[in-house]
Amino acid sequence: MNIKTLNTNEPIPEYFYIFPSRNGKKLSNQIEMHNIKLRDGTLVSSGFSNLFSEKQRELFLLGDMEYLPFVIGTPTTAGTINPFLSRITERYTLEYNLEVYRRNYYKHYPSRFSGLFAFGDYETCISLSKSKSWDIGTVKKYRLKDLGTLNSYIKVIKSNFNIIGALENYGTTTYTKQTEEVIEKYWAGEGSVIIPEYRIDEDIFLPEKKCGVRWEYLIEGILEEV
């Protein structure tokens, strides 16, 4: 298969590496592993599993499928948002902002809400197991499955995994020029970034954030275990 990344126009790796179960004690992880076994180790992206009709395939190729589980914007009558509510909604707001930007500017790219996340080399997995305590023993090796005529529907982008962590730890869900520029770099497949200081007033500000590079691939397609 002659498949290249949509955002960087590079050949995809021959093999991909995934932590299918970072925490085997969680019920969701146990269910995920059970489903993988039922498919003989095959992983299918959510978007790709919906290609059951010509209409769905057309929407998929055009990038007009809706992946957001719920839309932000419903007004609250509670008034001031308390710290607990802010922490609960913070992570989804980040993913919401990433998805809305993708829909607006890169809608033919795979969505983070539907694609498979994979690393292109085992060394990155070793690095993550040390820094995040992910169990290196759970890493599995995959290759992209050749689907014949459906290969034209496969979508892959290359992005900097560390950008998500930098945004997550930046400290605000407010959509600012600073965060928008970093979100653009994520979808464009750029490397290390700096998020500038964000000052709200004289006493309240967010310090500058820097991040290095760990390449990750976001895949719409089917991966088979090697």
C-alpha atoms as a PDB file:
ATOM      1  CA  MET A   1       0.000   0.000   0.000  1.00  0.00           C
ATOM      2  CA  ASN A   2       1.317   3.414  -0.953  1.00  0.00           C
ATOM      3  CA  ILE A   3      -0.290   5.448   1.830  1.00  0.00           C
ATOM      4  CA  LYS A   4       1.091   8.754   3.080  1.00  0.00           C
ATOM      5  CA  THR A   5       0.125  10.970   5.984  1.00  0.00           C
ATOM      6  CA  LEU A   6      -2.434  13.588   4.998  1.00  0.00           C
ATOM      7  CA  ASN A   7      -0.782  16.432   6.900  1.00  0.00           C
ATOM      8  CA  THR A   8       2.951  15.815   6.359  1.00  0.00           C
ATOM      9  CA  ASN A   9       2.854  13.784   3.111  1.00  0.00           C
ATOM     10  CA  GLU A  10       5.212  11.139   4.514  1.00  0.00           C
ATOM     11  CA  PRO A  11       5.066   7.359   4.012  1.00  0.00           C
ATOM     12  CA  ILE A  12       3.434   5.680   6.989  1.00  0.00           C
ATOM     13  CA  PRO A  13       5.542   3.305   9.135  1.00  0.00           C
ATOM     14  CA  GLU A  14       5.511  -0.384   8.262  1.00  0.00           C
ATOM     15  CA  TYR A  15       4.515  -1.200  11.839  1.00  0.00           C
ATOM     16  CA  PHE A  16       2.579   0.592  14.563  1.00  0.00           C
ATOM     17  CA  TYR A  17       2.759   0.122  18.340  1.00  0.00           C
ATOM     18  CA  ILE A  18      -0.162   0.549  20.741  1.00  0.00           C
ATOM     19  CA  PHE A  19      -0.809   0.318  24.485  1.00  0.00           C
ATOM     20  CA  PRO A  20      -4.263  -1.356  24.179  1.00  0.00           C
ATOM     21  CA  SER A  21      -4.639  -1.551  27.962  1.00  0.00           C
ATOM     22  CA  ARG A  22      -2.783   1.022  30.041  1.00  0.00           C
ATOM     23  CA  ASN A  23      -4.673   0.073  33.191  1.00  0.00           C
ATOM     24  CA  GLY A  24      -6.011  -3.484  33.267  1.00  0.00           C
ATOM     25  CA  LYS A  25      -7.959  -2.816  36.478  1.00  0.00           C
ATOM     26  CA  LYS A  26     -10.412  -0.473  34.741  1.00  0.00           C
ATOM     27  CA  LEU A  27     -13.606  -2.080  33.479  1.00  0.00           C
ATOM     28  CA  SER A  28     -13.460  -0.108  30.220  1.00  0.00           C
ATOM     29  CA  ASN A  29      -9.946  -1.434  29.540  1.00  0.00           C
ATOM     30  CA  GLN A  30     -11.032  -4.999  30.315  1.00  0.00           C
ATOM     31  CA  ILE A  31     -13.973  -4.693  27.915  1.00  0.00           C
ATOM     32  CA  GLU A  32     -11.675  -3.236  25.255  1.00  0.00           C
ATOM     33  CA  MET A  33      -9.245  -6.143  25.570  1.00  0.00           C
ATOM     34  CA  HIS A  34     -12.148  -8.622  25.440  1.00  0.00           C
ATOM     35  CA  ASN A  35     -13.432  -7.060  22.198  1.00  0.00           C
ATOM     36  CA  ILE A  36      -9.932  -7.154  20.668  1.00  0.00           C
ATOM     37  CA  LYS A  37      -9.741 -10.890  21.408  1.00  0.00           C
ATOM     38  CA  LEU A  38     -13.113 -11.431  19.744  1.00  0.00           C
ATOM     39  CA  ARG A  39     -11.722  -9.787  16.601  1.00  0.00           C
ATOM     40  CA  ASP A  40      -8.566 -11.950  16.680  1.00  0.00           C
ATOM     41  CA  GLY A  41      -6.456  -8.961  17.683  1.00  0.00           C
ATOM     42  CA  THR A  42      -7.821  -6.650  14.974  1.00  0.00           C
ATOM     43  CA  LEU A  43      -8.423  -2.962  15.765  1.00  0.00           C
ATOM     44  CA  VAL A  44     -11.064  -1.051  13.781  1.00  0.00           C
ATOM     45  CA  SER A  45     -11.386   2.731  13.991  1.00  0.00           C
ATOM     46  CA  SER A  46     -14.848   3.991  14.925  1.00  0.00           C
ATOM     47  CA  GLY A  47     -15.210   6.081  11.785  1.00  0.00           C
ATOM     48  CA  PHE A  48     -14.165   3.220   9.535  1.00  0.00           C
ATOM     49  CA  SER A  49     -16.622   0.811  11.143  1.00  0.00           C
ATOM     50  CA  ASN A  50     -19.466   3.060   9.965  1.00  0.00           C
ATOM     51  CA  LEU A  51     -18.797   2.605   6.239  1.00  0.00           C
ATOM     52  CA  PHE A  52     -21.836   0.369   5.770  1.00  0.00           C
ATOM     53  CA  SER A  53     -23.599   2.387   3.042  1.00  0.00           C
ATOM     54  CA  GLU A  54     -22.714   4.557   0.056  1.00  0.00           C
ATOM     55  CA  LYS A  55     -24.122   7.595   1.860  1.00  0.00           C
ATOM     56  CA  GLN A  56     -21.950   6.998   4.928  1.00  0.00           C
ATOM     57  CA  ARG A  57     -18.873   6.457   2.755  1.00  0.00           C
ATOM     58  CA  GLU A  58     -19.497   9.731   0.964  1.00  0.00           C
ATOM     59  CA  LEU A  59     -19.881  11.613   4.253  1.00  0.00           C
ATOM     60  CA  PHE A  60     -16.703   9.941   5.553  1.00  0.00           C
ATOM     61  CA  LEU A  61     -14.584  10.951   2.558  1.00  0.00           C
ATOM     62  CA  LEU A  62     -15.905  14.519   2.575  1.00  0.00           C
ATOM     63  CA  GLY A  63     -15.316  14.829   6.305  1.00  0.00           C
ATOM     64  CA  ASP A  64     -18.960  15.609   7.009  1.00  0.00           C
ATOM     65  CA  MET A  65     -19.577  12.947   9.659  1.00  0.00           C
ATOM     66  CA  GLU A  66     -20.423  14.205  13.152  1.00  0.00           C
ATOM     67  CA  TYR A  67     -18.186  12.827  15.899  1.00  0.00           C
ATOM     68  CA  LEU A  68     -18.853  15.141  18.857  1.00  0.00           C
ATOM     69  CA  PRO A  69     -20.729  13.187  21.569  1.00  0.00           C
ATOM     70  CA  PHE A  70     -22.316  16.402  22.823  1.00  0.00           C
ATOM     71  CA  VAL A  71     -22.033  20.088  21.941  1.00  0.00           C
ATOM     72  CA  ILE A  72     -20.836  22.754  24.326  1.00  0.00           C
ATOM     73  CA  GLY A  73     -22.894  25.913  24.609  1.00  0.00           C
ATOM     74  CA  THR A  74     -26.028  25.130  26.611  1.00  0.00           C
ATOM     75  CA  PRO A  75     -26.394  28.040  29.051  1.00  0.00           C
ATOM     76  CA  THR A  76     -26.347  27.288  32.765  1.00  0.00           C
ATOM     77  CA  THR A  77     -28.547  28.984  35.347  1.00  0.00           C
ATOM     78  CA  ALA A  78     -26.045  28.241  38.109  1.00  0.00           C
ATOM     79  CA  GLY A  79     -24.196  31.533  37.695  1.00  0.00           C
ATOM     80  CA  THR A  80     -20.524  31.379  38.657  1.00  0.00           C
ATOM     81  CA  ILE A  81     -18.846  28.057  37.792  1.00  0.00           C
ATOM     82  CA  ASN A  82     -17.262  26.404  40.816  1.00  0.00           C
ATOM     83  CA  PRO A  83     -13.753  24.824  40.700  1.00  0.00           C
ATOM     84  CA  PHE A  84     -15.126  21.260  40.663  1.00  0.00           C
ATOM     85  CA  LEU A  85     -17.257  21.878  37.568  1.00  0.00           C
ATOM     86  CA  SER A  86     -14.332  23.594  35.898  1.00  0.00           C
ATOM     87  CA  ARG A  87     -12.048  20.584  36.459  1.00  0.00           C
ATOM     88  CA  ILE A  88     -14.714  18.139  35.253  1.00  0.00           C
ATOM     89  CA  THR A  89     -15.339  19.981  31.984  1.00  0.00           C
ATOM     90  CA  GLU A  90     -11.725  20.997  31.298  1.00  0.00           C
ATOM     91  CA  ARG A  91     -10.571  17.830  29.486  1.00  0.00           C
ATOM     92  CA  TYR A  92     -13.613  17.579  27.251  1.00  0.00           C
ATOM     93  CA  THR A  93     -13.387  21.273  26.402  1.00  0.00           C
ATOM     94  CA  LEU A  94      -9.847  20.714  25.148  1.00  0.00           C
ATOM     95  CA  GLU A  95     -10.974  17.844  22.904  1.00  0.00           C
ATOM     96  CA  TYR A  96     -14.010  19.860  21.812  1.00  0.00           C
ATOM     97  CA  ASN A  97     -11.775  22.748  20.720  1.00  0.00           C
ATOM     98  CA  LEU A  98      -9.482  20.360  18.829  1.00  0.00           C
ATOM     99  CA  GLU A  99     -12.434  18.735  17.047  1.00  0.00           C
ATOM    100  CA  VAL A 100     -14.148  21.989  16.104  1.00  0.00           C
ATOM    101  CA  TYR A 101     -10.874  23.307  14.668  1.00  0.00           C
ATOM    102  CA  ARG A 102     -10.441  20.084  12.684  1.00  0.00           C
ATOM    103  CA  ARG A 103     -13.972  20.352  11.304  1.00  0.00           C
ATOM    104  CA  ASN A 104     -13.446  23.974  10.307  1.00  0.00           C
ATOM    105  CA  TYR A 105     -10.032  23.665   8.661  1.00  0.00           C
ATOM    106  CA  TYR A 106      -9.064  19.984   8.208  1.00  0.00           C
ATOM    107  CA  LYS A 107     -12.373  18.160   7.997  1.00  0.00           C
ATOM    108  CA  HIS A 108     -10.988  15.402   5.735  1.00  0.00           C
ATOM    109  CA  TYR A 109      -8.490  14.438   8.471  1.00  0.00           C
ATOM    110  CA  PRO A 110      -9.340  11.651  10.950  1.00  0.00           C
ATOM    111  CA  SER A 111     -11.051  12.804  14.135  1.00  0.00           C
ATOM    112  CA  ARG A 112      -9.568  12.162  17.576  1.00  0.00           C
ATOM    113  CA  PHE A 113     -13.060  10.969  18.547  1.00  0.00           C
ATOM    114  CA  SER A 114     -13.024   8.167  15.973  1.00  0.00           C
ATOM    115  CA  GLY A 115      -9.440   7.299  14.985  1.00  0.00           C
ATOM    116  CA  LEU A 116      -6.930   4.800  16.368  1.00  0.00           C
ATOM    117  CA  PHE A 117      -3.907   6.239  18.201  1.00  0.00           C
ATOM    118  CA  ALA A 118      -0.595   4.499  17.516  1.00  0.00           C
ATOM    119  CA  PHE A 119       3.139   5.118  17.723  1.00  0.00           C
ATOM    120  CA  GLY A 120       5.446   4.468  14.804  1.00  0.00           C
ATOM    121  CA  ASP A 121       8.345   3.006  16.779  1.00  0.00           C
ATOM    122  CA  TYR A 122       8.857   0.904  19.886  1.00  0.00           C
ATOM    123  CA  GLU A 123      11.385   3.359  21.385  1.00  0.00           C
ATOM    124  CA  THR A 124       8.605   5.920  21.911  1.00  0.00           C
ATOM    125  CA  CYS A 125       6.631   3.323  23.859  1.00  0.00           C
ATOM    126  CA  ILE A 126       9.637   2.649  26.102  1.00  0.00           C
ATOM    127  CA  SER A 127       9.989   6.388  26.747  1.00  0.00           C
ATOM    128  CA  LEU A 128       6.301   6.704  27.660  1.00  0.00           C
ATOM    129  CA  SER A 129       6.391   3.670  29.936  1.00  0.00           C
ATOM    130  CA  LYS A 130       9.130   5.369  31.940  1.00  0.00           C
ATOM    131  CA  SER A 131       7.628   8.852  32.070  1.00  0.00           C
ATOM    132  CA  LYS A 132       3.957   7.875  32.507  1.00  0.00           C
ATOM    133  CA  SER A 133       4.305   4.431  34.121  1.00  0.00           C
ATOM    134  CA  TRP A 134       2.373   2.779  31.285  1.00  0.00           C
ATOM    135  CA  ASP A 135       2.910  -0.983  31.301  1.00  0.00           C
ATOM    136  CA  ILE A 136       5.386  -1.698  28.481  1.00  0.00           C
ATOM    137  CA  GLY A 137       4.363  -5.352  28.682  1.00  0.00           C
ATOM    138  CA  THR A 138       0.954  -4.508  27.191  1.00  0.00           C
ATOM    139  CA  VAL A 139       2.366  -2.968  23.987  1.00  0.00           C
ATOM    140  CA  LYS A 140       1.260  -4.767  20.821  1.00  0.00           C
ATOM    141  CA  LYS A 141       2.635  -4.535  17.295  1.00  0.00           C
ATOM    142  CA  TYR A 142       0.320  -3.917  14.337  1.00  0.00           C
ATOM    143  CA  ARG A 143       0.314  -3.290  10.622  1.00  0.00           C
ATOM    144  CA  LEU A 144      -2.280  -1.491   8.526  1.00  0.00           C
ATOM    145  CA  LYS A 145      -4.549  -4.047   6.905  1.00  0.00           C
ATOM    146  CA  ASP A 146      -4.755  -4.085   3.118  1.00  0.00           C
ATOM    147  CA  LEU A 147      -8.454  -3.631   2.334  1.00  0.00           C
ATOM    148  CA  GLY A 148      -8.309  -3.649  -1.441  1.00  0.00           C
ATOM    149  CA  THR A 149     -10.844  -1.210  -2.885  1.00  0.00           C
ATOM    150  CA  LEU A 150     -11.465   0.262   0.572  1.00  0.00           C
ATOM    151  CA  ASN A 151      -7.839   1.422   0.853  1.00  0.00           C
ATOM    152  CA  SER A 152      -8.916   4.753  -0.642  1.00  0.00           C
ATOM    153  CA  TYR A 153     -10.890   5.399   2.552  1.00  0.00           C
ATOM    154  CA  ILE A 154      -7.897   4.992   4.869  1.00  0.00           C
ATOM    155  CA  LYS A 155      -6.835   8.244   6.553  1.00  0.00           C
ATOM    156  CA  VAL A 156      -3.648   8.784   8.556  1.00  0.00           C
ATOM    157  CA  ILE A 157      -2.063  11.881  10.061  1.00  0.00           C
ATOM    158  CA  LYS A 158       1.167  12.322  12.010  1.00  0.00           C
ATOM    159  CA  SER A 159       1.033  14.585  15.059  1.00  0.00           C
ATOM    160  CA  ASN A 160       3.030  15.548  18.110  1.00  0.00           C
ATOM    161  CA  PHE A 161       1.658  13.600  21.087  1.00  0.00           C
ATOM    162  CA  ASN A 162       3.278  16.070  23.520  1.00  0.00           C
ATOM    163  CA  ILE A 163       1.192  18.995  22.251  1.00  0.00           C
ATOM    164  CA  ILE A 164      -1.924  17.464  23.822  1.00  0.00           C
ATOM    165  CA  GLY A 165      -0.183  17.210  27.195  1.00  0.00           C
ATOM    166  CA  ALA A 166       1.030  20.800  26.932  1.00  0.00           C
ATOM    167  CA  LEU A 167      -2.496  22.044  26.203  1.00  0.00           C
ATOM    168  CA  GLU A 168      -3.968  19.850  28.931  1.00  0.00           C
ATOM    169  CA  ASN A 169      -1.582  21.273  31.523  1.00  0.00           C
ATOM    170  CA  TYR A 170      -1.708  24.858  30.302  1.00  0.00           C
ATOM    171  CA  GLY A 171      -4.314  25.661  32.914  1.00  0.00           C
ATOM    172  CA  THR A 172      -7.203  27.167  30.974  1.00  0.00           C
ATOM    173  CA  THR A 173     -10.051  26.004  28.756  1.00  0.00           C
ATOM    174  CA  THR A 174     -10.493  29.557  27.445  1.00  0.00           C
ATOM    175  CA  TYR A 175     -10.086  29.556  23.674  1.00  0.00           C
ATOM    176  CA  THR A 176      -7.341  32.103  23.094  1.00  0.00           C
ATOM    177  CA  LYS A 177      -5.097  33.092  20.200  1.00  0.00           C
ATOM    178  CA  GLN A 178      -2.270  31.232  21.951  1.00  0.00           C
ATOM    179  CA  THR A 179      -4.162  27.947  22.181  1.00  0.00           C
ATOM    180  CA  GLU A 180      -5.544  28.260  18.653  1.00  0.00           C
ATOM    181  CA  GLU A 181      -2.025  28.601  17.240  1.00  0.00           C
ATOM    182  CA  VAL A 182      -0.934  25.442  19.066  1.00  0.00           C
ATOM    183  CA  ILE A 183      -4.020  23.521  17.905  1.00  0.00           C
ATOM    184  CA  GLU A 184      -3.128  24.507  14.335  1.00  0.00           C
ATOM    185  CA  LYS A 185       0.399  23.149  14.842  1.00  0.00           C
ATOM    186  CA  TYR A 186      -1.043  19.880  16.139  1.00  0.00           C
ATOM    187  CA  TRP A 187      -3.179  19.247  13.049  1.00  0.00           C
ATOM    188  CA  ALA A 188      -0.443  20.493  10.705  1.00  0.00           C
ATOM    189  CA  GLY A 189       1.982  17.936  12.148  1.00  0.00           C
ATOM    190  CA  GLU A 190       4.545  20.402  13.469  1.00  0.00           C
ATOM    191  CA  GLY A 191       7.106  19.498  16.131  1.00  0.00           C
ATOM    192  CA  SER A 192       8.041  21.206  19.399  1.00  0.00           C
ATOM    193  CA  VAL A 193       5.967  24.244  20.388  1.00  0.00           C
ATOM    194  CA  ILE A 194       5.924  27.037  22.923  1.00  0.00           C
ATOM    195  CA  ILE A 195       2.641  28.295  24.366  1.00  0.00           C
ATOM    196  CA  PRO A 196       3.255  31.922  25.364  1.00  0.00           C
ATOM    197  CA  GLU A 197       2.402  33.309  28.793  1.00  0.00           C
ATOM    198  CA  TYR A 198      -1.274  34.185  29.081  1.00  0.00           C
ATOM    199  CA  ARG A 199      -1.941  37.085  31.449  1.00  0.00           C
ATOM    200  CA  ILE A 200      -5.486  37.622  32.660  1.00  0.00           C
ATOM    201  CA  ASP A 201      -4.649  40.591  34.882  1.00  0.00           C
ATOM    202  CA  GLU A 202      -1.789  41.834  37.042  1.00  0.00           C
ATOM    203  CA  ASP A 203      -2.118  39.041  39.610  1.00  0.00           C
ATOM    204  CA  ILE A 204      -3.447  36.142  37.526  1.00  0.00           C
ATOM    205  CA  PHE A 205      -1.482  34.647  34.669  1.00  0.00           C
ATOM    206  CA  LEU A 206      -0.477  31.340  33.112  1.00  0.00           C
ATOM    207  CA  PRO A 207       3.248  30.790  32.610  1.00  0.00           C
ATOM    208  CA  GLU A 208       4.835  29.871  29.304  1.00  0.00           C
ATOM    209  CA  LYS A 209       4.628  26.183  28.385  1.00  0.00           C
ATOM    210  CA  LYS A 210       7.115  24.280  26.221  1.00  0.00           C
ATOM    211  CA  CYS A 211       6.927  20.782  24.857  1.00  0.00           C
ATOM    212  CA  GLY A 212       9.254  18.464  22.996  1.00  0.00           C
ATOM    213  CA  VAL A 213       8.321  15.914  20.358  1.00  0.00           C
ATOM    214  CA  ARG A 214       6.838  12.421  20.504  1.00  0.00           C
ATOM    215  CA  TRP A 215       5.344  11.444  17.171  1.00  0.00           C
ATOM    216  CA  GLU A 216       2.010   9.689  17.129  1.00  0.00           C
ATOM    217  CA  TYR A 217      -0.293   8.558  14.320  1.00  0.00           C
ATOM    218  CA  LEU A 218      -4.061   8.992  14.161  1.00  0.00           C
ATOM    219  CA  ILE A 219      -5.569   6.347  11.908  1.00  0.00           C
ATOM    220  CA  GLU A 220      -8.927   5.715  10.275  1.00  0.00           C
ATOM    221  CA  GLY A 221      -8.650   2.134   9.087  1.00  0.00           C
ATOM    222  CA  ILE A 222      -8.055  -1.377  10.368  1.00  0.00           C
ATOM    223  CA  LEU A 223      -4.935  -2.577  12.159  1.00  0.00           C
ATOM    224  CA  GLU A 224      -4.086  -6.257  12.412  1.00  0.00           C
ATOM    225  CA  GLU A 225      -1.788  -7.607  15.102  1.00  0.00           C
ATOM    226  CA  VAL A 226       1.596  -8.873  13.915  1.00  0.00           C
END
